[in-house]
Amino acid sequence: MRHAILVGSLLLVAFAAGCSDSPVLRTESSTSAIRAAEEVGASDVPRASLHLQLAKEELDRSKNLAERGEKDKAASLLQRAEADAELAILLSEEQAEKTEAAQAMERVRQLQNDNR
């Protein structure tokens, strides 16, 4: 009987703890994606800069929602923040590749002109 009461008490405590504590908002992935976008120079590329700014705003809003207990909405915004940061990275890389390609084409034109 004591064992049943102890087990029942432990289950009740575990259930209460699970109900009272919502899962912690995990911002690491979004934060690191934002940091990566900053490191590749997204703020210097207009289209990428827009998505980087959106990611930062979404991260801030998700923290505010989590503080108000709206964990589902906060988690959704975190996913959007990460997606926007990743898009900023891709747009930055795309711009860098376009710039590099344009420079390579200019070098080819120079070489062609020098050989004439």
PDB file of N, CA and C in Angstrom:
ATOM      1  N   MET A   1       0.829  -1.194   0.000  1.00  0.00           N
ATOM      2  CA  MET A   1       0.000   0.000   0.000  1.00  0.00           C
ATOM      3  C   MET A   1       0.867   1.249   0.000  1.00  0.00           C
ATOM      4  N   ARG A   2       1.913   1.235   0.842  1.00  0.00           N
ATOM      5  CA  ARG A   2       2.807   2.391   0.883  1.00  0.00           C
ATOM      6  C   ARG A   2       3.450   2.625  -0.474  1.00  0.00           C
ATOM      7  N   HIS A   3       3.835   1.524  -1.120  1.00  0.00           N
ATOM      8  CA  HIS A   3       4.474   1.622  -2.434  1.00  0.00           C
ATOM      9  C   HIS A   3       3.525   2.276  -3.445  1.00  0.00           C
ATOM     10  N   ALA A   4       2.277   1.889  -3.435  1.00  0.00           N
ATOM     11  CA  ALA A   4       1.278   2.448  -4.346  1.00  0.00           C
ATOM     12  C   ALA A   4       1.071   3.937  -4.082  1.00  0.00           C
ATOM     13  N   ILE A   5       1.058   4.316  -2.818  1.00  0.00           N
ATOM     14  CA  ILE A   5       0.893   5.727  -2.459  1.00  0.00           C
ATOM     15  C   ILE A   5       2.118   6.524  -2.916  1.00  0.00           C
ATOM     16  N   LEU A   6       3.309   5.960  -2.705  1.00  0.00           N
ATOM     17  CA  LEU A   6       4.546   6.633  -3.110  1.00  0.00           C
ATOM     18  C   LEU A   6       4.590   6.806  -4.620  1.00  0.00           C
ATOM     19  N   VAL A   7       4.270   5.745  -5.350  1.00  0.00           N
ATOM     20  CA  VAL A   7       4.264   5.812  -6.813  1.00  0.00           C
ATOM     21  C   VAL A   7       3.220   6.825  -7.282  1.00  0.00           C
ATOM     22  N   GLY A   8       2.046   6.774  -6.695  1.00  0.00           N
ATOM     23  CA  GLY A   8       0.993   7.723  -7.052  1.00  0.00           C
ATOM     24  C   GLY A   8       1.412   9.156  -6.777  1.00  0.00           C
ATOM     25  N   SER A   9       2.080   9.363  -5.654  1.00  0.00           N
ATOM     26  CA  SER A   9       2.559  10.707  -5.305  1.00  0.00           C
ATOM     27  C   SER A   9       3.617  11.184  -6.295  1.00  0.00           C
ATOM     28  N   LEU A  10       4.531  10.294  -6.658  1.00  0.00           N
ATOM     29  CA  LEU A  10       5.577  10.654  -7.623  1.00  0.00           C
ATOM     30  C   LEU A  10       4.981  10.989  -8.981  1.00  0.00           C
ATOM     31  N   LEU A  11       4.000  10.213  -9.406  1.00  0.00           N
ATOM     32  CA  LEU A  11       3.339  10.495 -10.683  1.00  0.00           C
ATOM     33  C   LEU A  11       2.616  11.832 -10.649  1.00  0.00           C
ATOM     34  N   LEU A  12       1.973  12.124  -9.529  1.00  0.00           N
ATOM     35  CA  LEU A  12       1.271  13.395  -9.386  1.00  0.00           C
ATOM     36  C   LEU A  12       2.250  14.562  -9.444  1.00  0.00           C
ATOM     37  N   VAL A  13       3.382  14.426  -8.749  1.00  0.00           N
ATOM     38  CA  VAL A  13       4.405  15.485  -8.766  1.00  0.00           C
ATOM     39  C   VAL A  13       4.954  15.662 -10.174  1.00  0.00           C
ATOM     40  N   ALA A  14       5.253  14.559 -10.860  1.00  0.00           N
ATOM     41  CA  ALA A  14       5.776  14.636 -12.225  1.00  0.00           C
ATOM     42  C   ALA A  14       4.765  15.281 -13.164  1.00  0.00           C
ATOM     43  N   PHE A  15       3.502  14.912 -13.028  1.00  0.00           N
ATOM     44  CA  PHE A  15       2.459  15.491 -13.864  1.00  0.00           C
ATOM     45  C   PHE A  15       2.316  16.985 -13.602  1.00  0.00           C
ATOM     46  N   ALA A  16       2.317  17.362 -12.341  1.00  0.00           N
ATOM     47  CA  ALA A  16       2.187  18.782 -11.983  1.00  0.00           C
ATOM     48  C   ALA A  16       3.372  19.575 -12.503  1.00  0.00           C
ATOM     49  N   ALA A  17       4.555  19.018 -12.394  1.00  0.00           N
ATOM     50  CA  ALA A  17       5.747  19.715 -12.891  1.00  0.00           C
ATOM     51  C   ALA A  17       5.672  19.880 -14.400  1.00  0.00           C
ATOM     52  N   GLY A  18       5.201  18.847 -15.081  1.00  0.00           N
ATOM     53  CA  GLY A  18       5.069  18.921 -16.530  1.00  0.00           C
ATOM     54  C   GLY A  18       4.043  19.941 -16.962  1.00  0.00           C
ATOM     55  N   CYS A  19       2.990  20.087 -16.214  1.00  0.00           N
ATOM     56  CA  CYS A  19       1.939  21.043 -16.569  1.00  0.00           C
ATOM     57  C   CYS A  19       2.327  22.475 -16.240  1.00  0.00           C
ATOM     58  N   SER A  20       3.077  22.650 -15.169  1.00  0.00           N
ATOM     59  CA  SER A  20       3.378  24.016 -14.748  1.00  0.00           C
ATOM     60  C   SER A  20       4.512  24.624 -15.547  1.00  0.00           C
ATOM     61  N   ASP A  21       5.426  23.796 -15.996  1.00  0.00           N
ATOM     62  CA  ASP A  21       6.551  24.305 -16.772  1.00  0.00           C
ATOM     63  C   ASP A  21       6.346  23.999 -18.239  1.00  0.00           C
ATOM     64  N   SER A  22       6.136  25.043 -19.013  1.00  0.00           N
ATOM     65  CA  SER A  22       6.070  24.848 -20.447  1.00  0.00           C
ATOM     66  C   SER A  22       7.482  24.589 -20.937  1.00  0.00           C
ATOM     67  N   PRO A  23       7.607  23.939 -22.087  1.00  0.00           N
ATOM     68  CA  PRO A  23       8.952  23.705 -22.604  1.00  0.00           C
ATOM     69  C   PRO A  23       9.693  25.033 -22.791  1.00  0.00           C
ATOM     70  N   VAL A  24      10.966  25.006 -22.532  1.00  0.00           N
ATOM     71  CA  VAL A  24      11.784  26.204 -22.662  1.00  0.00           C
ATOM     72  C   VAL A  24      11.909  26.559 -24.132  1.00  0.00           C
ATOM     73  N   LEU A  25      11.825  27.833 -24.438  1.00  0.00           N
ATOM     74  CA  LEU A  25      11.958  28.302 -25.803  1.00  0.00           C
ATOM     75  C   LEU A  25      13.409  28.148 -26.233  1.00  0.00           C
ATOM     76  N   ARG A  26      13.657  27.407 -27.301  1.00  0.00           N
ATOM     77  CA  ARG A  26      15.001  27.121 -27.774  1.00  0.00           C
ATOM     78  C   ARG A  26      15.352  28.092 -28.899  1.00  0.00           C
ATOM     79  N   THR A  27      16.157  29.091 -28.583  1.00  0.00           N
ATOM     80  CA  THR A  27      16.491  30.127 -29.557  1.00  0.00           C
ATOM     81  C   THR A  27      17.856  29.930 -30.205  1.00  0.00           C
ATOM     82  N   GLU A  28      18.599  28.890 -29.809  1.00  0.00           N
ATOM     83  CA  GLU A  28      19.968  28.729 -30.284  1.00  0.00           C
ATOM     84  C   GLU A  28      20.065  28.653 -31.804  1.00  0.00           C
ATOM     85  N   SER A  29      19.198  27.877 -32.412  1.00  0.00           N
ATOM     86  CA  SER A  29      19.261  27.676 -33.852  1.00  0.00           C
ATOM     87  C   SER A  29      18.997  28.979 -34.612  1.00  0.00           C
ATOM     88  N   SER A  30      17.984  29.701 -34.189  1.00  0.00           N
ATOM     89  CA  SER A  30      17.660  30.977 -34.841  1.00  0.00           C
ATOM     90  C   SER A  30      18.764  31.998 -34.603  1.00  0.00           C
ATOM     91  N   THR A  31      19.258  32.041 -33.384  1.00  0.00           N
ATOM     92  CA  THR A  31      20.316  32.993 -33.047  1.00  0.00           C
ATOM     93  C   THR A  31      21.579  32.713 -33.840  1.00  0.00           C
ATOM     94  N   SER A  32      21.945  31.454 -33.978  1.00  0.00           N
ATOM     95  CA  SER A  32      23.162  31.136 -34.723  1.00  0.00           C
ATOM     96  C   SER A  32      22.975  31.398 -36.215  1.00  0.00           C
ATOM     97  N   ALA A  33      21.776  31.191 -36.743  1.00  0.00           N
ATOM     98  CA  ALA A  33      21.515  31.503 -38.150  1.00  0.00           C
ATOM     99  C   ALA A  33      21.618  33.010 -38.391  1.00  0.00           C
ATOM    100  N   ILE A  34      21.121  33.795 -37.448  1.00  0.00           N
ATOM    101  CA  ILE A  34      21.221  35.254 -37.567  1.00  0.00           C
ATOM    102  C   ILE A  34      22.689  35.687 -37.519  1.00  0.00           C
ATOM    103  N   ARG A  35      23.432  35.111 -36.598  1.00  0.00           N
ATOM    104  CA  ARG A  35      24.858  35.434 -36.483  1.00  0.00           C
ATOM    105  C   ARG A  35      25.608  35.059 -37.766  1.00  0.00           C
ATOM    106  N   ALA A  36      25.274  33.898 -38.331  1.00  0.00           N
ATOM    107  CA  ALA A  36      25.914  33.464 -39.577  1.00  0.00           C
ATOM    108  C   ALA A  36      25.597  34.428 -40.714  1.00  0.00           C
ATOM    109  N   ALA A  37      24.352  34.894 -40.772  1.00  0.00           N
ATOM    110  CA  ALA A  37      23.965  35.858 -41.807  1.00  0.00           C
ATOM    111  C   ALA A  37      24.744  37.157 -41.652  1.00  0.00           C
ATOM    112  N   GLU A  38      24.946  37.583 -40.424  1.00  0.00           N
ATOM    113  CA  GLU A  38      25.732  38.797 -40.186  1.00  0.00           C
ATOM    114  C   GLU A  38      27.175  38.591 -40.610  1.00  0.00           C
ATOM    115  N   GLU A  39      27.716  37.406 -40.340  1.00  0.00           N
ATOM    116  CA  GLU A  39      29.116  37.124 -40.655  1.00  0.00           C
ATOM    117  C   GLU A  39      29.379  37.056 -42.156  1.00  0.00           C
ATOM    118  N   VAL A  40      28.400  36.609 -42.942  1.00  0.00           N
ATOM    119  CA  VAL A  40      28.614  36.561 -44.390  1.00  0.00           C
ATOM    120  C   VAL A  40      28.299  37.896 -45.058  1.00  0.00           C
ATOM    121  N   GLY A  41      27.941  38.891 -44.269  1.00  0.00           N
ATOM    122  CA  GLY A  41      27.736  40.232 -44.809  1.00  0.00           C
ATOM    123  C   GLY A  41      26.333  40.497 -45.328  1.00  0.00           C
ATOM    124  N   ALA A  42      25.344  39.840 -44.781  1.00  0.00           N
ATOM    125  CA  ALA A  42      23.965  40.031 -45.248  1.00  0.00           C
ATOM    126  C   ALA A  42      23.501  41.472 -45.107  1.00  0.00           C
ATOM    127  N   SER A  43      24.023  42.176 -44.129  1.00  0.00           N
ATOM    128  CA  SER A  43      23.581  43.564 -43.935  1.00  0.00           C
ATOM    129  C   SER A  43      24.057  44.479 -45.062  1.00  0.00           C
ATOM    130  N   ASP A  44      25.023  44.018 -45.869  1.00  0.00           N
ATOM    131  CA  ASP A  44      25.531  44.826 -46.981  1.00  0.00           C
ATOM    132  C   ASP A  44      24.827  44.536 -48.304  1.00  0.00           C
ATOM    133  N   VAL A  45      23.955  43.552 -48.318  1.00  0.00           N
ATOM    134  CA  VAL A  45      23.219  43.180 -49.530  1.00  0.00           C
ATOM    135  C   VAL A  45      21.760  43.543 -49.292  1.00  0.00           C
ATOM    136  N   PRO A  46      21.211  44.486 -50.054  1.00  0.00           N
ATOM    137  CA  PRO A  46      19.865  44.990 -49.767  1.00  0.00           C
ATOM    138  C   PRO A  46      18.802  43.912 -49.551  1.00  0.00           C
ATOM    139  N   ARG A  47      18.682  42.953 -50.470  1.00  0.00           N
ATOM    140  CA  ARG A  47      17.643  41.924 -50.305  1.00  0.00           C
ATOM    141  C   ARG A  47      17.916  41.058 -49.089  1.00  0.00           C
ATOM    142  N   ALA A  48      19.169  40.735 -48.859  1.00  0.00           N
ATOM    143  CA  ALA A  48      19.534  39.902 -47.708  1.00  0.00           C
ATOM    144  C   ALA A  48      19.332  40.672 -46.410  1.00  0.00           C
ATOM    145  N   SER A  49      19.642  41.952 -46.450  1.00  0.00           N
ATOM    146  CA  SER A  49      19.505  42.802 -45.269  1.00  0.00           C
ATOM    147  C   SER A  49      18.060  42.831 -44.770  1.00  0.00           C
ATOM    148  N   LEU A  50      17.133  42.858 -45.696  1.00  0.00           N
ATOM    149  CA  LEU A  50      15.713  42.855 -45.339  1.00  0.00           C
ATOM    150  C   LEU A  50      15.358  41.586 -44.562  1.00  0.00           C
ATOM    151  N   HIS A  51      15.801  40.446 -45.054  1.00  0.00           N
ATOM    152  CA  HIS A  51      15.481  39.182 -44.390  1.00  0.00           C
ATOM    153  C   HIS A  51      16.220  39.027 -43.062  1.00  0.00           C
ATOM    154  N   LEU A  52      17.412  39.587 -42.997  1.00  0.00           N
ATOM    155  CA  LEU A  52      18.147  39.569 -41.729  1.00  0.00           C
ATOM    156  C   LEU A  52      17.403  40.395 -40.685  1.00  0.00           C
ATOM    157  N   GLN A  53      16.916  41.552 -41.082  1.00  0.00           N
ATOM    158  CA  GLN A  53      16.153  42.394 -40.165  1.00  0.00           C
ATOM    159  C   GLN A  53      14.863  41.705 -39.723  1.00  0.00           C
ATOM    160  N   LEU A  54      14.184  41.065 -40.668  1.00  0.00           N
ATOM    161  CA  LEU A  54      12.967  40.316 -40.320  1.00  0.00           C
ATOM    162  C   LEU A  54      13.281  39.217 -39.310  1.00  0.00           C
ATOM    163  N   ALA A  55      14.380  38.513 -39.520  1.00  0.00           N
ATOM    164  CA  ALA A  55      14.769  37.430 -38.604  1.00  0.00           C
ATOM    165  C   ALA A  55      14.995  37.966 -37.199  1.00  0.00           C
ATOM    166  N   LYS A  56      15.673  39.097 -37.099  1.00  0.00           N
ATOM    167  CA  LYS A  56      15.927  39.693 -35.779  1.00  0.00           C
ATOM    168  C   LYS A  56      14.623  40.106 -35.101  1.00  0.00           C
ATOM    169  N   GLU A  57      13.728  40.705 -35.870  1.00  0.00           N
ATOM    170  CA  GLU A  57      12.440  41.132 -35.308  1.00  0.00           C
ATOM    171  C   GLU A  57      11.607  39.927 -34.879  1.00  0.00           C
ATOM    172  N   GLU A  58      11.619  38.872 -35.685  1.00  0.00           N
ATOM    173  CA  GLU A  58      10.858  37.677 -35.342  1.00  0.00           C
ATOM    174  C   GLU A  58      11.423  37.003 -34.090  1.00  0.00           C
ATOM    175  N   LEU A  59      12.731  37.015 -33.958  1.00  0.00           N
ATOM    176  CA  LEU A  59      13.360  36.455 -32.757  1.00  0.00           C
ATOM    177  C   LEU A  59      12.925  37.241 -31.521  1.00  0.00           C
ATOM    178  N   ASP A  60      12.953  38.559 -31.605  1.00  0.00           N
ATOM    179  CA  ASP A  60      12.521  39.398 -30.478  1.00  0.00           C
ATOM    180  C   ASP A  60      11.051  39.165 -30.141  1.00  0.00           C
ATOM    181  N   ARG A  61      10.210  39.114 -31.171  1.00  0.00           N
ATOM    182  CA  ARG A  61       8.778  38.891 -30.928  1.00  0.00           C
ATOM    183  C   ARG A  61       8.524  37.520 -30.319  1.00  0.00           C
ATOM    184  N   SER A  62       9.293  36.524 -30.751  1.00  0.00           N
ATOM    185  CA  SER A  62       9.096  35.183 -30.200  1.00  0.00           C
ATOM    186  C   SER A  62       9.443  35.153 -28.720  1.00  0.00           C
ATOM    187  N   LYS A  63      10.478  35.887 -28.331  1.00  0.00           N
ATOM    188  CA  LYS A  63      10.833  35.954 -26.913  1.00  0.00           C
ATOM    189  C   LYS A  63       9.720  36.617 -26.112  1.00  0.00           C
ATOM    190  N   ASN A  64       9.141  37.676 -26.659  1.00  0.00           N
ATOM    191  CA  ASN A  64       8.028  38.349 -25.976  1.00  0.00           C
ATOM    192  C   ASN A  64       6.814  37.437 -25.849  1.00  0.00           C
ATOM    193  N   LEU A  65       6.516  36.703 -26.918  1.00  0.00           N
ATOM    194  CA  LEU A  65       5.385  35.770 -26.864  1.00  0.00           C
ATOM    195  C   LEU A  65       5.634  34.674 -25.829  1.00  0.00           C
ATOM    196  N   ALA A  66       6.846  34.190 -25.756  1.00  0.00           N
ATOM    197  CA  ALA A  66       7.174  33.135 -24.786  1.00  0.00           C
ATOM    198  C   ALA A  66       7.011  33.642 -23.364  1.00  0.00           C
ATOM    199  N   GLU A  67       7.416  34.881 -23.135  1.00  0.00           N
ATOM    200  CA  GLU A  67       7.265  35.468 -21.802  1.00  0.00           C
ATOM    201  C   GLU A  67       5.799  35.592 -21.405  1.00  0.00           C
ATOM    202  N   ARG A  68       4.931  35.777 -22.406  1.00  0.00           N
ATOM    203  CA  ARG A  68       3.492  35.877 -22.131  1.00  0.00           C
ATOM    204  C   ARG A  68       2.824  34.508 -22.114  1.00  0.00           C
ATOM    205  N   GLY A  69       3.625  33.454 -22.284  1.00  0.00           N
ATOM    206  CA  GLY A  69       3.077  32.104 -22.216  1.00  0.00           C
ATOM    207  C   GLY A  69       2.546  31.556 -23.528  1.00  0.00           C
ATOM    208  N   GLU A  70       2.770  32.256 -24.617  1.00  0.00           N
ATOM    209  CA  GLU A  70       2.287  31.808 -25.928  1.00  0.00           C
ATOM    210  C   GLU A  70       3.409  31.038 -26.641  1.00  0.00           C
ATOM    211  N   LYS A  71       3.719  29.863 -26.095  1.00  0.00           N
ATOM    212  CA  LYS A  71       4.863  29.078 -26.569  1.00  0.00           C
ATOM    213  C   LYS A  71       4.698  28.598 -28.010  1.00  0.00           C
ATOM    214  N   ASP A  72       3.500  28.206 -28.406  1.00  0.00           N
ATOM    215  CA  ASP A  72       3.300  27.712 -29.767  1.00  0.00           C
ATOM    216  C   ASP A  72       3.563  28.805 -30.798  1.00  0.00           C
ATOM    217  N   LYS A  73       3.016  29.987 -30.550  1.00  0.00           N
ATOM    218  CA  LYS A  73       3.247  31.108 -31.465  1.00  0.00           C
ATOM    219  C   LYS A  73       4.719  31.492 -31.459  1.00  0.00           C
ATOM    220  N   ALA A  74       5.336  31.455 -30.285  1.00  0.00           N
ATOM    221  CA  ALA A  74       6.756  31.790 -30.169  1.00  0.00           C
ATOM    222  C   ALA A  74       7.605  30.808 -30.964  1.00  0.00           C
ATOM    223  N   ALA A  75       7.294  29.538 -30.852  1.00  0.00           N
ATOM    224  CA  ALA A  75       8.051  28.514 -31.579  1.00  0.00           C
ATOM    225  C   ALA A  75       7.893  28.689 -33.088  1.00  0.00           C
ATOM    226  N   SER A  76       6.696  29.043 -33.517  1.00  0.00           N
ATOM    227  CA  SER A  76       6.449  29.272 -34.940  1.00  0.00           C
ATOM    228  C   SER A  76       7.269  30.459 -35.444  1.00  0.00           C
ATOM    229  N   LEU A  77       7.303  31.530 -34.666  1.00  0.00           N
ATOM    230  CA  LEU A  77       8.092  32.701 -35.060  1.00  0.00           C
ATOM    231  C   LEU A  77       9.585  32.379 -35.079  1.00  0.00           C
ATOM    232  N   LEU A  78      10.027  31.529 -34.178  1.00  0.00           N
ATOM    233  CA  LEU A  78      11.435  31.122 -34.180  1.00  0.00           C
ATOM    234  C   LEU A  78      11.785  30.402 -35.470  1.00  0.00           C
ATOM    235  N   GLN A  79      10.890  29.556 -35.939  1.00  0.00           N
ATOM    236  CA  GLN A  79      11.134  28.865 -37.206  1.00  0.00           C
ATOM    237  C   GLN A  79      11.198  29.857 -38.362  1.00  0.00           C
ATOM    238  N   ARG A  80      10.317  30.837 -38.332  1.00  0.00           N
ATOM    239  CA  ARG A  80      10.340  31.869 -39.375  1.00  0.00           C
ATOM    240  C   ARG A  80      11.619  32.685 -39.306  1.00  0.00           C
ATOM    241  N   ALA A  81      12.067  32.989 -38.083  1.00  0.00           N
ATOM    242  CA  ALA A  81      13.302  33.757 -37.908  1.00  0.00           C
ATOM    243  C   ALA A  81      14.481  32.990 -38.490  1.00  0.00           C
ATOM    244  N   GLU A  82      14.530  31.709 -38.209  1.00  0.00           N
ATOM    245  CA  GLU A  82      15.625  30.890 -38.734  1.00  0.00           C
ATOM    246  C   GLU A  82      15.563  30.826 -40.259  1.00  0.00           C
ATOM    247  N   ALA A  83      14.371  30.650 -40.806  1.00  0.00           N
ATOM    248  CA  ALA A  83      14.212  30.588 -42.264  1.00  0.00           C
ATOM    249  C   ALA A  83      14.623  31.909 -42.910  1.00  0.00           C
ATOM    250  N   ASP A  84      14.225  33.028 -42.318  1.00  0.00           N
ATOM    251  CA  ASP A  84      14.617  34.330 -42.872  1.00  0.00           C
ATOM    252  C   ASP A  84      16.127  34.536 -42.788  1.00  0.00           C
ATOM    253  N   ALA A  85      16.734  34.113 -41.691  1.00  0.00           N
ATOM    254  CA  ALA A  85      18.186  34.247 -41.562  1.00  0.00           C
ATOM    255  C   ALA A  85      18.903  33.384 -42.593  1.00  0.00           C
ATOM    256  N   GLU A  86      18.409  32.173 -42.808  1.00  0.00           N
ATOM    257  CA  GLU A  86      19.015  31.300 -43.813  1.00  0.00           C
ATOM    258  C   GLU A  86      18.839  31.866 -45.215  1.00  0.00           C
ATOM    259  N   LEU A  87      17.693  32.468 -45.476  1.00  0.00           N
ATOM    260  CA  LEU A  87      17.474  33.107 -46.764  1.00  0.00           C
ATOM    261  C   LEU A  87      18.430  34.286 -46.936  1.00  0.00           C
ATOM    262  N   ALA A  88      18.662  35.030 -45.880  1.00  0.00           N
ATOM    263  CA  ALA A  88      19.621  36.144 -45.935  1.00  0.00           C
ATOM    264  C   ALA A  88      21.011  35.624 -46.290  1.00  0.00           C
ATOM    265  N   ILE A  89      21.386  34.486 -45.725  1.00  0.00           N
ATOM    266  CA  ILE A  89      22.683  33.890 -46.044  1.00  0.00           C
ATOM    267  C   ILE A  89      22.744  33.529 -47.531  1.00  0.00           C
ATOM    268  N   LEU A  90      21.717  32.860 -48.016  1.00  0.00           N
ATOM    269  CA  LEU A  90      21.700  32.449 -49.422  1.00  0.00           C
ATOM    270  C   LEU A  90      21.737  33.645 -50.369  1.00  0.00           C
ATOM    271  N   LEU A  91      20.987  34.684 -50.036  1.00  0.00           N
ATOM    272  CA  LEU A  91      20.982  35.878 -50.881  1.00  0.00           C
ATOM    273  C   LEU A  91      22.343  36.573 -50.868  1.00  0.00           C
ATOM    274  N   SER A  92      23.003  36.562 -49.729  1.00  0.00           N
ATOM    275  CA  SER A  92      24.351  37.148 -49.635  1.00  0.00           C
ATOM    276  C   SER A  92      25.339  36.363 -50.477  1.00  0.00           C
ATOM    277  N   GLU A  93      25.255  35.047 -50.373  1.00  0.00           N
ATOM    278  CA  GLU A  93      26.152  34.199 -51.158  1.00  0.00           C
ATOM    279  C   GLU A  93      25.883  34.351 -52.646  1.00  0.00           C
ATOM    280  N   GLU A  94      24.609  34.466 -53.001  1.00  0.00           N
ATOM    281  CA  GLU A  94      24.257  34.658 -54.403  1.00  0.00           C
ATOM    282  C   GLU A  94      24.866  35.956 -54.935  1.00  0.00           C
ATOM    283  N   GLN A  95      24.766  37.012 -54.147  1.00  0.00           N
ATOM    284  CA  GLN A  95      25.315  38.296 -54.570  1.00  0.00           C
ATOM    285  C   GLN A  95      26.836  38.210 -54.707  1.00  0.00           C
ATOM    286  N   ALA A  96      27.485  37.532 -53.780  1.00  0.00           N
ATOM    287  CA  ALA A  96      28.940  37.372 -53.849  1.00  0.00           C
ATOM    288  C   ALA A  96      29.334  36.595 -55.101  1.00  0.00           C
ATOM    289  N   GLU A  97      28.572  35.572 -55.429  1.00  0.00           N
ATOM    290  CA  GLU A  97      28.862  34.790 -56.638  1.00  0.00           C
ATOM    291  C   GLU A  97      28.638  35.606 -57.900  1.00  0.00           C
ATOM    292  N   LYS A  98      27.596  36.426 -57.921  1.00  0.00           N
ATOM    293  CA  LYS A  98      27.345  37.286 -59.075  1.00  0.00           C
ATOM    294  C   LYS A  98      28.481  38.285 -59.254  1.00  0.00           C
ATOM    295  N   THR A  99      28.924  38.854 -58.153  1.00  0.00           N
ATOM    296  CA  THR A  99      30.025  39.814 -58.205  1.00  0.00           C
ATOM    297  C   THR A  99      31.295  39.140 -58.709  1.00  0.00           C
ATOM    298  N   GLU A 100      31.562  37.948 -58.189  1.00  0.00           N
ATOM    299  CA  GLU A 100      32.749  37.202 -58.616  1.00  0.00           C
ATOM    300  C   GLU A 100      32.666  36.846 -60.097  1.00  0.00           C
ATOM    301  N   ALA A 101      31.499  36.446 -60.564  1.00  0.00           N
ATOM    302  CA  ALA A 101      31.317  36.103 -61.976  1.00  0.00           C
ATOM    303  C   ALA A 101      31.514  37.341 -62.862  1.00  0.00           C
ATOM    304  N   ALA A 102      30.991  38.461 -62.435  1.00  0.00           N
ATOM    305  CA  ALA A 102      31.151  39.697 -63.209  1.00  0.00           C
ATOM    306  C   ALA A 102      32.624  40.092 -63.279  1.00  0.00           C
ATOM    307  N   GLN A 103      33.346  39.931 -62.185  1.00  0.00           N
ATOM    308  CA  GLN A 103      34.781  40.241 -62.184  1.00  0.00           C
ATOM    309  C   GLN A 103      35.543  39.292 -63.103  1.00  0.00           C
ATOM    310  N   ALA A 104      35.165  38.023 -63.104  1.00  0.00           N
ATOM    311  CA  ALA A 104      35.816  37.048 -63.979  1.00  0.00           C
ATOM    312  C   ALA A 104      35.550  37.388 -65.445  1.00  0.00           C
ATOM    313  N   MET A 105      34.333  37.762 -65.759  1.00  0.00           N
ATOM    314  CA  MET A 105      34.009  38.152 -67.133  1.00  0.00           C
ATOM    315  C   MET A 105      34.796  39.387 -67.553  1.00  0.00           C
ATOM    316  N   GLU A 106      34.970  40.311 -66.644  1.00  0.00           N
ATOM    317  CA  GLU A 106      35.750  41.510 -66.958  1.00  0.00           C
ATOM    318  C   GLU A 106      37.212  41.150 -67.226  1.00  0.00           C
ATOM    319  N   ARG A 107      37.758  40.211 -66.448  1.00  0.00           N
ATOM    320  CA  ARG A 107      39.147  39.766 -66.670  1.00  0.00           C
ATOM    321  C   ARG A 107      39.273  39.092 -68.042  1.00  0.00           C
ATOM    322  N   VAL A 108      38.254  38.296 -68.412  1.00  0.00           N
ATOM    323  CA  VAL A 108      38.266  37.640 -69.723  1.00  0.00           C
ATOM    324  C   VAL A 108      38.252  38.689 -70.826  1.00  0.00           C
ATOM    325  N   ARG A 109      37.411  39.698 -70.693  1.00  0.00           N
ATOM    326  CA  ARG A 109      37.357  40.769 -71.706  1.00  0.00           C
ATOM    327  C   ARG A 109      38.706  41.486 -71.803  1.00  0.00           C
ATOM    328  N   GLN A 110      39.319  41.730 -70.661  1.00  0.00           N
ATOM    329  CA  GLN A 110      40.631  42.387 -70.665  1.00  0.00           C
ATOM    330  C   GLN A 110      41.666  41.538 -71.403  1.00  0.00           C
ATOM    331  N   LEU A 111      41.656  40.233 -71.112  1.00  0.00           N
ATOM    332  CA  LEU A 111      42.590  39.329 -71.771  1.00  0.00           C
ATOM    333  C   LEU A 111      42.346  39.286 -73.286  1.00  0.00           C
ATOM    334  N   GLN A 112      41.070  39.265 -73.677  1.00  0.00           N
ATOM    335  CA  GLN A 112      40.746  39.256 -75.098  1.00  0.00           C
ATOM    336  C   GLN A 112      41.230  40.529 -75.766  1.00  0.00           C
ATOM    337  N   ASN A 113      41.039  41.669 -75.096  1.00  0.00           N
ATOM    338  CA  ASN A 113      41.487  42.948 -75.664  1.00  0.00           C
ATOM    339  C   ASN A 113      43.000  43.012 -75.717  1.00  0.00           C
ATOM    340  N   ASP A 114      43.683  42.466 -74.732  1.00  0.00           N
ATOM    341  CA  ASP A 114      45.145  42.485 -74.713  1.00  0.00           C
ATOM    342  C   ASP A 114      45.739  41.608 -75.797  1.00  0.00           C
ATOM    343  N   ASN A 115      45.029  40.568 -76.202  1.00  0.00           N
ATOM    344  CA  ASN A 115      45.538  39.637 -77.216  1.00  0.00           C
ATOM    345  C   ASN A 115      45.224  40.072 -78.644  1.00  0.00           C
ATOM    346  N   ARG A 116      44.542  41.143 -78.815  1.00  0.00           N
ATOM    347  CA  ARG A 116      44.212  41.631 -80.171  1.00  0.00           C
ATOM    348  C   ARG A 116      45.277  42.504 -80.719  1.00  0.00           C
TER     349      ARG A 116
END
